[in-house]
Amino acid sequence: MLWAIALGVTFVVTLRAGAHALILRGLRAPRVPHQRTPIDFGLQAQSLRLPVTAGKFLFAWFVPVPGALKSPTVVLMHGWGGNASLMLPAVAPLHAAGFSVLLLDARCHGESDDEPFTSLPRFAQDIEAGLDWLHLQPQVDGTRLALIGHSVGAAAALLSATRRADLRAVVSLSAFAHPREVMRRFLTEVHLPYPVLGWYVLRHVQRVIGAHFDDIAPIHSMPKARCPVLLVHGCDDAVVPFSDAQRLHAAGRAGTVECIAIESGHDPSASTDAYLPQLIGFLQQSFLSQERNHASPDHPVFR
């Protein structure tokens, strides 16, 4: 009898471990190679390997403003299954406006190191590793740093904005409001019934990433963001509905959030001409406001 019980327990444990492995494999982001480099855009960039955690490294490109001392700097973070090369079209306009730019590959993406899994919190860790590196660079003004993220990269940027006092602005491109809603839509697409199996998948994912969805949801990050936020979202986004941007805008603190609706789907890169001038103006105004706050004792620093 005991051997039968032991065999049954072993079978259940093995089955559960196999199910967990299948869940992680099914949710794993595809690793897409870089399709372009800064040289293709006429940019001179430094290729970097930045330490992030536990001996892991991130691949990055740093595009400094030539000859500039203490330049404002923008960190670009791609979305799920993307890489730094997909953010390259935004670099030249930012560079022309006087911003140095750091483009990151998140772990498990592009040329960065691998992990058993990646997640929204790990995207935020990778962003913050980039910010920490920038503070060590003599040509970077550590008091004028900003983030631009796409999709989960935008959600991670908003999460970082709740815990970093060195950020002066965040631009969110196509961020979702809540990861649980994203996961529920995914489960529907793969025909996995939520009441039967879906709830277990979501619970396991939260256990693996070490965070509850509510604690990392952009809808809850917005009111805690310690800097101004610009939301850019496509009206025709079939992946994350435009209503998510409206909810995020409503959740932010009054006077600190702007929203731009563009004629685009989930990938806004084809519509950059429609929003880049406003995006650059937003960054410039955010940095200028910070300088004025430091210069005048009558205006509290936005922290």
C-alpha atoms as a PDB file:
ATOM      1  CA  MET A   1       0.000   0.000   0.000  1.00  0.00           C
ATOM      2  CA  LEU A   2       2.786   2.434   0.896  1.00  0.00           C
ATOM      3  CA  TRP A   3       4.536   1.901  -2.422  1.00  0.00           C
ATOM      4  CA  ALA A   4       1.290   2.667  -4.250  1.00  0.00           C
ATOM      5  CA  ILE A   5       0.845   5.926  -2.310  1.00  0.00           C
ATOM      6  CA  ALA A   6       4.475   6.885  -2.964  1.00  0.00           C
ATOM      7  CA  LEU A   7       4.038   6.117  -6.654  1.00  0.00           C
ATOM      8  CA  GLY A   8       0.879   8.223  -6.757  1.00  0.00           C
ATOM      9  CA  VAL A   9       2.558  11.170  -5.038  1.00  0.00           C
ATOM     10  CA  THR A  10       5.534  10.939  -7.393  1.00  0.00           C
ATOM     11  CA  PHE A  11       3.195  10.919 -10.381  1.00  0.00           C
ATOM     12  CA  VAL A  12       1.318  14.009  -9.134  1.00  0.00           C
ATOM     13  CA  VAL A  13       4.542  15.898  -8.397  1.00  0.00           C
ATOM     14  CA  THR A  14       5.976  15.001 -11.803  1.00  0.00           C
ATOM     15  CA  LEU A  15       2.754  15.986 -13.540  1.00  0.00           C
ATOM     16  CA  ARG A  16       2.666  19.310 -11.723  1.00  0.00           C
ATOM     17  CA  ALA A  17       6.316  20.048 -12.551  1.00  0.00           C
ATOM     18  CA  GLY A  18       5.643  19.227 -16.185  1.00  0.00           C
ATOM     19  CA  ALA A  19       2.603  21.492 -16.227  1.00  0.00           C
ATOM     20  CA  HIS A  20       4.631  24.350 -14.722  1.00  0.00           C
ATOM     21  CA  ALA A  21       7.348  23.879 -17.342  1.00  0.00           C
ATOM     22  CA  LEU A  22       4.726  23.956 -20.105  1.00  0.00           C
ATOM     23  CA  ILE A  23       3.249  27.173 -18.687  1.00  0.00           C
ATOM     24  CA  LEU A  24       6.624  28.916 -18.680  1.00  0.00           C
ATOM     25  CA  ARG A  25       7.447  27.632 -22.155  1.00  0.00           C
ATOM     26  CA  GLY A  26       4.101  28.787 -23.495  1.00  0.00           C
ATOM     27  CA  LEU A  27       4.575  32.284 -22.066  1.00  0.00           C
ATOM     28  CA  ARG A  28       8.215  32.650 -23.070  1.00  0.00           C
ATOM     29  CA  ALA A  29       8.967  35.649 -25.257  1.00  0.00           C
ATOM     30  CA  PRO A  30      10.412  34.881 -28.700  1.00  0.00           C
ATOM     31  CA  ARG A  31      14.043  35.972 -29.040  1.00  0.00           C
ATOM     32  CA  VAL A  32      14.255  38.052 -32.214  1.00  0.00           C
ATOM     33  CA  PRO A  33      17.685  39.087 -33.545  1.00  0.00           C
ATOM     34  CA  HIS A  34      18.520  42.699 -34.259  1.00  0.00           C
ATOM     35  CA  GLN A  35      17.383  43.629 -37.743  1.00  0.00           C
ATOM     36  CA  ARG A  36      19.173  46.990 -37.830  1.00  0.00           C
ATOM     37  CA  THR A  37      21.954  48.805 -36.000  1.00  0.00           C
ATOM     38  CA  PRO A  38      22.577  52.468 -35.171  1.00  0.00           C
ATOM     39  CA  ILE A  39      24.915  52.685 -38.171  1.00  0.00           C
ATOM     40  CA  ASP A  40      21.916  52.071 -40.446  1.00  0.00           C
ATOM     41  CA  PHE A  41      20.473  55.332 -39.094  1.00  0.00           C
ATOM     42  CA  GLY A  42      23.721  57.266 -39.365  1.00  0.00           C
ATOM     43  CA  LEU A  43      24.314  57.119 -35.596  1.00  0.00           C
ATOM     44  CA  GLN A  44      27.581  56.559 -33.751  1.00  0.00           C
ATOM     45  CA  ALA A  45      26.865  54.270 -30.818  1.00  0.00           C
ATOM     46  CA  GLN A  46      28.780  52.390 -28.145  1.00  0.00           C
ATOM     47  CA  SER A  47      27.884  48.693 -27.790  1.00  0.00           C
ATOM     48  CA  LEU A  48      27.723  47.776 -24.112  1.00  0.00           C
ATOM     49  CA  ARG A  49      27.294  44.868 -21.723  1.00  0.00           C
ATOM     50  CA  LEU A  50      25.682  46.195 -18.537  1.00  0.00           C
ATOM     51  CA  PRO A  51      25.526  44.169 -15.307  1.00  0.00           C
ATOM     52  CA  VAL A  52      21.994  43.611 -14.053  1.00  0.00           C
ATOM     53  CA  THR A  53      21.883  40.889 -11.369  1.00  0.00           C
ATOM     54  CA  ALA A  54      23.372  37.528 -10.361  1.00  0.00           C
ATOM     55  CA  GLY A  55      26.115  37.654 -12.980  1.00  0.00           C
ATOM     56  CA  LYS A  56      23.710  38.459 -15.813  1.00  0.00           C
ATOM     57  CA  PHE A  57      24.353  41.162 -18.396  1.00  0.00           C
ATOM     58  CA  LEU A  58      22.242  43.310 -20.693  1.00  0.00           C
ATOM     59  CA  PHE A  59      23.172  44.302 -24.213  1.00  0.00           C
ATOM     60  CA  ALA A  60      22.764  48.019 -24.891  1.00  0.00           C
ATOM     61  CA  TRP A  61      23.608  50.792 -27.319  1.00  0.00           C
ATOM     62  CA  PHE A  62      24.564  54.187 -25.955  1.00  0.00           C
ATOM     63  CA  VAL A  63      24.276  57.126 -28.353  1.00  0.00           C
ATOM     64  CA  PRO A  64      25.817  60.186 -26.663  1.00  0.00           C
ATOM     65  CA  VAL A  65      25.529  63.768 -27.855  1.00  0.00           C
ATOM     66  CA  PRO A  66      28.988  64.471 -29.348  1.00  0.00           C
ATOM     67  CA  GLY A  67      31.032  66.900 -27.275  1.00  0.00           C
ATOM     68  CA  ALA A  68      28.220  67.547 -24.817  1.00  0.00           C
ATOM     69  CA  LEU A  69      28.876  67.754 -21.108  1.00  0.00           C
ATOM     70  CA  LYS A  70      26.134  66.609 -18.761  1.00  0.00           C
ATOM     71  CA  SER A  71      23.516  66.009 -21.448  1.00  0.00           C
ATOM     72  CA  PRO A  72      19.934  64.974 -20.632  1.00  0.00           C
ATOM     73  CA  THR A  73      19.461  61.292 -21.427  1.00  0.00           C
ATOM     74  CA  VAL A  74      16.535  59.077 -22.429  1.00  0.00           C
ATOM     75  CA  VAL A  75      16.366  55.315 -21.862  1.00  0.00           C
ATOM     76  CA  LEU A  76      14.399  53.328 -24.470  1.00  0.00           C
ATOM     77  CA  MET A  77      12.855  49.950 -23.611  1.00  0.00           C
ATOM     78  CA  HIS A  78      11.138  47.720 -26.149  1.00  0.00           C
ATOM     79  CA  GLY A  79       8.121  45.480 -25.605  1.00  0.00           C
ATOM     80  CA  TRP A  80       7.573  41.733 -25.245  1.00  0.00           C
ATOM     81  CA  GLY A  81       9.353  39.775 -27.979  1.00  0.00           C
ATOM     82  CA  GLY A  82      11.080  42.918 -29.296  1.00  0.00           C
ATOM     83  CA  ASN A  83      14.580  44.281 -28.937  1.00  0.00           C
ATOM     84  CA  ALA A  84      16.523  47.525 -28.931  1.00  0.00           C
ATOM     85  CA  SER A  85      16.725  47.700 -32.729  1.00  0.00           C
ATOM     86  CA  LEU A  86      12.964  48.209 -32.944  1.00  0.00           C
ATOM     87  CA  MET A  87      13.338  51.460 -30.983  1.00  0.00           C
ATOM     88  CA  LEU A  88      16.043  52.879 -33.267  1.00  0.00           C
ATOM     89  CA  PRO A  89      13.710  55.064 -35.397  1.00  0.00           C
ATOM     90  CA  ALA A  90      13.108  57.304 -32.369  1.00  0.00           C
ATOM     91  CA  VAL A  91      16.809  57.914 -31.676  1.00  0.00           C
ATOM     92  CA  ALA A  92      17.708  60.398 -34.438  1.00  0.00           C
ATOM     93  CA  PRO A  93      14.922  62.897 -33.538  1.00  0.00           C
ATOM     94  CA  LEU A  94      15.788  62.633 -29.843  1.00  0.00           C
ATOM     95  CA  HIS A  95      19.472  63.033 -30.630  1.00  0.00           C
ATOM     96  CA  ALA A  96      18.783  66.082 -32.801  1.00  0.00           C
ATOM     97  CA  ALA A  97      16.891  67.629 -29.868  1.00  0.00           C
ATOM     98  CA  GLY A  98      19.976  67.311 -27.660  1.00  0.00           C
ATOM     99  CA  PHE A  99      19.257  64.046 -25.830  1.00  0.00           C
ATOM    100  CA  SER A 100      21.726  61.228 -25.377  1.00  0.00           C
ATOM    101  CA  VAL A 101      19.988  57.863 -25.707  1.00  0.00           C
ATOM    102  CA  LEU A 102      20.459  54.443 -24.104  1.00  0.00           C
ATOM    103  CA  LEU A 103      18.712  51.529 -25.840  1.00  0.00           C
ATOM    104  CA  LEU A 104      18.376  48.297 -23.874  1.00  0.00           C
ATOM    105  CA  ASP A 105      17.701  44.666 -24.696  1.00  0.00           C
ATOM    106  CA  ALA A 106      15.696  43.193 -21.816  1.00  0.00           C
ATOM    107  CA  ARG A 107      16.836  39.826 -20.524  1.00  0.00           C
ATOM    108  CA  CYS A 108      15.710  36.950 -22.775  1.00  0.00           C
ATOM    109  CA  HIS A 109      15.551  39.430 -25.671  1.00  0.00           C
ATOM    110  CA  GLY A 110      17.942  40.515 -28.403  1.00  0.00           C
ATOM    111  CA  GLU A 111      21.543  39.940 -27.333  1.00  0.00           C
ATOM    112  CA  SER A 112      21.029  40.119 -23.551  1.00  0.00           C
ATOM    113  CA  ASP A 113      21.598  37.132 -21.289  1.00  0.00           C
ATOM    114  CA  ASP A 114      18.968  34.461 -20.878  1.00  0.00           C
ATOM    115  CA  GLU A 115      16.877  33.596 -17.822  1.00  0.00           C
ATOM    116  CA  PRO A 116      14.342  30.844 -17.108  1.00  0.00           C
ATOM    117  CA  PHE A 117      11.683  33.537 -17.530  1.00  0.00           C
ATOM    118  CA  THR A 118      11.242  37.246 -17.845  1.00  0.00           C
ATOM    119  CA  SER A 119       8.446  39.451 -16.572  1.00  0.00           C
ATOM    120  CA  LEU A 120       7.238  43.002 -16.063  1.00  0.00           C
ATOM    121  CA  PRO A 121       9.237  43.319 -12.797  1.00  0.00           C
ATOM    122  CA  ARG A 122      12.364  42.056 -14.556  1.00  0.00           C
ATOM    123  CA  PHE A 123      11.872  44.557 -17.373  1.00  0.00           C
ATOM    124  CA  ALA A 124      11.806  47.219 -14.631  1.00  0.00           C
ATOM    125  CA  GLN A 125      14.998  45.802 -13.083  1.00  0.00           C
ATOM    126  CA  ASP A 126      16.668  45.976 -16.489  1.00  0.00           C
ATOM    127  CA  ILE A 127      15.566  49.592 -16.966  1.00  0.00           C
ATOM    128  CA  GLU A 128      16.937  50.499 -13.559  1.00  0.00           C
ATOM    129  CA  ALA A 129      20.247  48.769 -14.314  1.00  0.00           C
ATOM    130  CA  GLY A 130      20.481  51.105 -17.296  1.00  0.00           C
ATOM    131  CA  LEU A 131      19.697  54.128 -15.145  1.00  0.00           C
ATOM    132  CA  ASP A 132      22.331  53.091 -12.610  1.00  0.00           C
ATOM    133  CA  TRP A 133      24.923  52.802 -15.390  1.00  0.00           C
ATOM    134  CA  LEU A 134      24.053  56.272 -16.683  1.00  0.00           C
ATOM    135  CA  HIS A 135      24.782  57.791 -13.277  1.00  0.00           C
ATOM    136  CA  LEU A 136      28.378  56.601 -13.658  1.00  0.00           C
ATOM    137  CA  GLN A 137      28.908  58.355 -16.992  1.00  0.00           C
ATOM    138  CA  PRO A 138      30.580  61.796 -16.771  1.00  0.00           C
ATOM    139  CA  GLN A 139      28.851  63.073 -19.930  1.00  0.00           C
ATOM    140  CA  VAL A 140      25.364  62.303 -18.570  1.00  0.00           C
ATOM    141  CA  ASP A 141      23.356  64.677 -16.398  1.00  0.00           C
ATOM    142  CA  GLY A 142      21.947  62.358 -13.740  1.00  0.00           C
ATOM    143  CA  THR A 143      19.372  64.976 -12.757  1.00  0.00           C
ATOM    144  CA  ARG A 144      17.794  64.877 -16.230  1.00  0.00           C
ATOM    145  CA  LEU A 145      16.840  61.283 -17.004  1.00  0.00           C
ATOM    146  CA  ALA A 146      13.700  60.040 -18.727  1.00  0.00           C
ATOM    147  CA  LEU A 147      12.206  56.745 -19.884  1.00  0.00           C
ATOM    148  CA  ILE A 148      10.350  55.763 -23.038  1.00  0.00           C
ATOM    149  CA  GLY A 149       8.859  52.275 -23.075  1.00  0.00           C
ATOM    150  CA  HIS A 150       6.614  50.283 -25.386  1.00  0.00           C
ATOM    151  CA  SER A 151       3.904  47.882 -24.189  1.00  0.00           C
ATOM    152  CA  VAL A 152       5.330  45.811 -21.297  1.00  0.00           C
ATOM    153  CA  GLY A 153       8.378  48.092 -21.495  1.00  0.00           C
ATOM    154  CA  ALA A 154       6.013  51.013 -20.871  1.00  0.00           C
ATOM    155  CA  ALA A 155       4.391  49.184 -17.962  1.00  0.00           C
ATOM    156  CA  ALA A 156       7.855  48.560 -16.519  1.00  0.00           C
ATOM    157  CA  ALA A 157       8.795  52.222 -16.991  1.00  0.00           C
ATOM    158  CA  LEU A 158       5.711  53.241 -15.016  1.00  0.00           C
ATOM    159  CA  LEU A 159       6.643  50.775 -12.270  1.00  0.00           C
ATOM    160  CA  SER A 160      10.159  52.239 -12.121  1.00  0.00           C
ATOM    161  CA  ALA A 161       8.637  55.713 -11.869  1.00  0.00           C
ATOM    162  CA  THR A 162       7.018  54.709  -8.577  1.00  0.00           C
ATOM    163  CA  ARG A 163      10.355  53.934  -6.927  1.00  0.00           C
ATOM    164  CA  ARG A 164      12.993  56.134  -8.608  1.00  0.00           C
ATOM    165  CA  ALA A 165      13.538  59.747  -7.561  1.00  0.00           C
ATOM    166  CA  ASP A 166      15.983  60.394 -10.425  1.00  0.00           C
ATOM    167  CA  LEU A 167      13.390  60.296 -13.222  1.00  0.00           C
ATOM    168  CA  ARG A 168      12.022  63.527 -14.648  1.00  0.00           C
ATOM    169  CA  ALA A 169       9.615  62.074 -17.225  1.00  0.00           C
ATOM    170  CA  VAL A 170       8.125  58.815 -18.519  1.00  0.00           C
ATOM    171  CA  VAL A 171       6.623  58.276 -21.963  1.00  0.00           C
ATOM    172  CA  SER A 172       4.352  55.250 -22.204  1.00  0.00           C
ATOM    173  CA  LEU A 173       3.731  53.841 -25.678  1.00  0.00           C
ATOM    174  CA  SER A 174       0.747  51.454 -25.771  1.00  0.00           C
ATOM    175  CA  ALA A 175       0.831  50.416 -22.105  1.00  0.00           C
ATOM    176  CA  PHE A 176      -1.869  48.085 -20.789  1.00  0.00           C
ATOM    177  CA  ALA A 177      -3.840  48.922 -17.660  1.00  0.00           C
ATOM    178  CA  HIS A 178      -3.579  45.597 -15.818  1.00  0.00           C
ATOM    179  CA  PRO A 179      -1.535  42.425 -16.505  1.00  0.00           C
ATOM    180  CA  ARG A 180      -4.407  40.203 -15.333  1.00  0.00           C
ATOM    181  CA  GLU A 181      -6.531  41.531 -18.183  1.00  0.00           C
ATOM    182  CA  VAL A 182      -3.713  40.864 -20.663  1.00  0.00           C
ATOM    183  CA  MET A 183      -3.389  37.307 -19.371  1.00  0.00           C
ATOM    184  CA  ARG A 184      -7.147  36.732 -19.516  1.00  0.00           C
ATOM    185  CA  ARG A 185      -7.190  37.851 -23.163  1.00  0.00           C
ATOM    186  CA  PHE A 186      -4.270  35.495 -23.888  1.00  0.00           C
ATOM    187  CA  LEU A 187      -6.067  32.566 -22.239  1.00  0.00           C
ATOM    188  CA  THR A 188      -9.124  33.279 -24.352  1.00  0.00           C
ATOM    189  CA  GLU A 189      -7.016  33.318 -27.531  1.00  0.00           C
ATOM    190  CA  VAL A 190      -5.500  29.901 -26.743  1.00  0.00           C
ATOM    191  CA  HIS A 191      -8.943  28.536 -25.727  1.00  0.00           C
ATOM    192  CA  LEU A 192      -7.923  27.800 -22.142  1.00  0.00           C
ATOM    193  CA  PRO A 193     -11.031  28.126 -19.953  1.00  0.00           C
ATOM    194  CA  TYR A 194     -10.435  30.437 -17.009  1.00  0.00           C
ATOM    195  CA  PRO A 195     -12.725  28.791 -14.414  1.00  0.00           C
ATOM    196  CA  VAL A 196     -11.134  25.386 -15.022  1.00  0.00           C
ATOM    197  CA  LEU A 197      -7.417  25.962 -15.706  1.00  0.00           C
ATOM    198  CA  GLY A 198      -6.852  29.657 -16.347  1.00  0.00           C
ATOM    199  CA  TRP A 199      -7.042  30.693 -12.707  1.00  0.00           C
ATOM    200  CA  TYR A 200      -4.281  28.197 -11.880  1.00  0.00           C
ATOM    201  CA  VAL A 201      -2.086  29.518 -14.697  1.00  0.00           C
ATOM    202  CA  LEU A 202      -2.445  33.085 -13.413  1.00  0.00           C
ATOM    203  CA  ARG A 203      -1.726  32.054  -9.840  1.00  0.00           C
ATOM    204  CA  HIS A 204       1.368  30.135 -10.918  1.00  0.00           C
ATOM    205  CA  VAL A 205       2.652  33.035 -13.041  1.00  0.00           C
ATOM    206  CA  GLN A 206       2.378  35.400 -10.054  1.00  0.00           C
ATOM    207  CA  ARG A 207       4.230  32.901  -7.881  1.00  0.00           C
ATOM    208  CA  VAL A 208       7.029  32.553 -10.445  1.00  0.00           C
ATOM    209  CA  ILE A 209       7.551  36.288 -11.014  1.00  0.00           C
ATOM    210  CA  GLY A 210       7.369  36.972  -7.286  1.00  0.00           C
ATOM    211  CA  ALA A 211       4.720  39.679  -7.502  1.00  0.00           C
ATOM    212  CA  HIS A 212       0.955  39.994  -7.435  1.00  0.00           C
ATOM    213  CA  PHE A 213      -0.531  41.473 -10.570  1.00  0.00           C
ATOM    214  CA  ASP A 214      -2.224  44.199  -8.526  1.00  0.00           C
ATOM    215  CA  ASP A 215       1.128  45.357  -7.147  1.00  0.00           C
ATOM    216  CA  ILE A 216       2.708  45.867 -10.585  1.00  0.00           C
ATOM    217  CA  ALA A 217      -0.326  46.937 -12.616  1.00  0.00           C
ATOM    218  CA  PRO A 218       0.134  50.249 -14.494  1.00  0.00           C
ATOM    219  CA  ILE A 219      -3.329  51.341 -13.344  1.00  0.00           C
ATOM    220  CA  HIS A 220      -1.939  51.266  -9.788  1.00  0.00           C
ATOM    221  CA  SER A 221       1.485  52.691 -10.738  1.00  0.00           C
ATOM    222  CA  MET A 222      -0.016  55.822 -12.295  1.00  0.00           C
ATOM    223  CA  PRO A 223      -1.097  57.593  -9.077  1.00  0.00           C
ATOM    224  CA  LYS A 224       2.267  56.712  -7.476  1.00  0.00           C
ATOM    225  CA  ALA A 225       4.483  57.906 -10.341  1.00  0.00           C
ATOM    226  CA  ARG A 226       7.050  60.412  -9.072  1.00  0.00           C
ATOM    227  CA  CYS A 227       7.388  62.304 -12.361  1.00  0.00           C
ATOM    228  CA  PRO A 228       5.178  63.552 -15.209  1.00  0.00           C
ATOM    229  CA  VAL A 229       3.826  60.902 -17.599  1.00  0.00           C
ATOM    230  CA  LEU A 230       2.913  61.109 -21.285  1.00  0.00           C
ATOM    231  CA  LEU A 231       0.628  58.369 -22.618  1.00  0.00           C
ATOM    232  CA  VAL A 232       0.742  57.669 -26.361  1.00  0.00           C
ATOM    233  CA  HIS A 233      -1.749  55.101 -27.620  1.00  0.00           C
ATOM    234  CA  GLY A 234      -3.166  53.997 -30.951  1.00  0.00           C
ATOM    235  CA  CYS A 235      -6.890  54.340 -31.478  1.00  0.00           C
ATOM    236  CA  ASP A 236      -6.800  51.124 -33.549  1.00  0.00           C
ATOM    237  CA  ASP A 237      -4.753  49.056 -31.088  1.00  0.00           C
ATOM    238  CA  ALA A 238      -6.109  45.498 -31.289  1.00  0.00           C
ATOM    239  CA  VAL A 239      -3.701  44.172 -28.638  1.00  0.00           C
ATOM    240  CA  VAL A 240      -4.303  46.737 -25.882  1.00  0.00           C
ATOM    241  CA  PRO A 241      -7.520  48.726 -26.363  1.00  0.00           C
ATOM    242  CA  PHE A 242      -7.374  52.506 -26.353  1.00  0.00           C
ATOM    243  CA  SER A 243      -9.702  52.451 -23.356  1.00  0.00           C
ATOM    244  CA  ASP A 244      -6.680  51.274 -21.308  1.00  0.00           C
ATOM    245  CA  ALA A 245      -4.957  54.593 -22.041  1.00  0.00           C
ATOM    246  CA  GLN A 246      -8.085  56.445 -20.982  1.00  0.00           C
ATOM    247  CA  ARG A 247      -8.164  54.525 -17.707  1.00  0.00           C
ATOM    248  CA  LEU A 248      -4.472  55.187 -17.080  1.00  0.00           C
ATOM    249  CA  HIS A 249      -4.978  58.879 -17.774  1.00  0.00           C
ATOM    250  CA  ALA A 250      -7.849  59.007 -15.293  1.00  0.00           C
ATOM    251  CA  ALA A 251      -5.787  57.160 -12.668  1.00  0.00           C
ATOM    252  CA  GLY A 252      -2.857  59.597 -12.794  1.00  0.00           C
ATOM    253  CA  ARG A 253      -2.466  62.580 -10.549  1.00  0.00           C
ATOM    254  CA  ALA A 254      -4.107  65.717 -11.899  1.00  0.00           C
ATOM    255  CA  GLY A 255      -1.725  67.987 -13.755  1.00  0.00           C
ATOM    256  CA  THR A 256       1.001  65.347 -14.148  1.00  0.00           C
ATOM    257  CA  VAL A 257      -0.389  63.225 -17.004  1.00  0.00           C
ATOM    258  CA  GLU A 258      -0.905  63.933 -20.700  1.00  0.00           C
ATOM    259  CA  CYS A 259      -2.405  61.644 -23.339  1.00  0.00           C
ATOM    260  CA  ILE A 260      -1.988  61.580 -27.121  1.00  0.00           C
ATOM    261  CA  ALA A 261      -4.314  59.494 -29.295  1.00  0.00           C
ATOM    262  CA  ILE A 262      -2.783  58.512 -32.644  1.00  0.00           C
ATOM    263  CA  GLU A 263      -4.024  56.705 -35.756  1.00  0.00           C
ATOM    264  CA  SER A 264      -2.090  53.507 -35.134  1.00  0.00           C
ATOM    265  CA  GLY A 265      -2.231  49.944 -33.918  1.00  0.00           C
ATOM    266  CA  HIS A 266      -0.191  48.495 -31.064  1.00  0.00           C
ATOM    267  CA  ASP A 267       3.120  49.352 -32.751  1.00  0.00           C
ATOM    268  CA  PRO A 268       3.289  53.153 -32.987  1.00  0.00           C
ATOM    269  CA  SER A 269       6.561  53.248 -34.946  1.00  0.00           C
ATOM    270  CA  ALA A 270       4.792  53.839 -38.272  1.00  0.00           C
ATOM    271  CA  SER A 271       3.144  56.985 -36.873  1.00  0.00           C
ATOM    272  CA  THR A 272       6.140  58.655 -35.236  1.00  0.00           C
ATOM    273  CA  ASP A 273       5.641  61.869 -37.220  1.00  0.00           C
ATOM    274  CA  ALA A 274       2.249  62.244 -35.543  1.00  0.00           C
ATOM    275  CA  TYR A 275       3.556  62.312 -31.993  1.00  0.00           C
ATOM    276  CA  LEU A 276       7.351  62.733 -31.857  1.00  0.00           C
ATOM    277  CA  PRO A 277       7.246  66.565 -31.849  1.00  0.00           C
ATOM    278  CA  GLN A 278       4.836  66.491 -28.887  1.00  0.00           C
ATOM    279  CA  LEU A 279       6.894  63.763 -27.203  1.00  0.00           C
ATOM    280  CA  ILE A 280      10.101  65.790 -27.498  1.00  0.00           C
ATOM    281  CA  GLY A 281       8.291  68.918 -26.330  1.00  0.00           C
ATOM    282  CA  PHE A 282       6.997  66.991 -23.310  1.00  0.00           C
ATOM    283  CA  LEU A 283      10.518  65.854 -22.397  1.00  0.00           C
ATOM    284  CA  GLN A 284      11.966  69.325 -22.836  1.00  0.00           C
ATOM    285  CA  GLN A 285       9.227  70.879 -20.726  1.00  0.00           C
ATOM    286  CA  SER A 286       9.646  68.251 -18.001  1.00  0.00           C
ATOM    287  CA  PHE A 287      13.392  68.911 -17.794  1.00  0.00           C
ATOM    288  CA  LEU A 288      12.849  72.674 -17.903  1.00  0.00           C
ATOM    289  CA  SER A 289      10.290  72.511 -15.104  1.00  0.00           C
ATOM    290  CA  GLN A 290      12.735  70.522 -13.007  1.00  0.00           C
ATOM    291  CA  GLU A 291      15.432  73.151 -13.525  1.00  0.00           C
ATOM    292  CA  ARG A 292      13.037  75.934 -12.547  1.00  0.00           C
ATOM    293  CA  ASN A 293      11.981  74.035  -9.435  1.00  0.00           C
ATOM    294  CA  HIS A 294      15.611  73.743  -8.358  1.00  0.00           C
ATOM    295  CA  ALA A 295      16.238  77.415  -9.098  1.00  0.00           C
ATOM    296  CA  SER A 296      13.305  78.828  -7.141  1.00  0.00           C
ATOM    297  CA  PRO A 297      12.546  78.113  -3.460  1.00  0.00           C
ATOM    298  CA  ASP A 298       8.922  79.005  -4.143  1.00  0.00           C
ATOM    299  CA  HIS A 299       8.408  75.914  -6.281  1.00  0.00           C
ATOM    300  CA  PRO A 300       8.687  72.469  -4.658  1.00  0.00           C
ATOM    301  CA  VAL A 301      10.768  69.911  -6.546  1.00  0.00           C
ATOM    302  CA  PHE A 302       8.604  67.283  -8.219  1.00  0.00           C
ATOM    303  CA  ARG A 303       9.773  64.109  -6.506  1.00  0.00           C
END
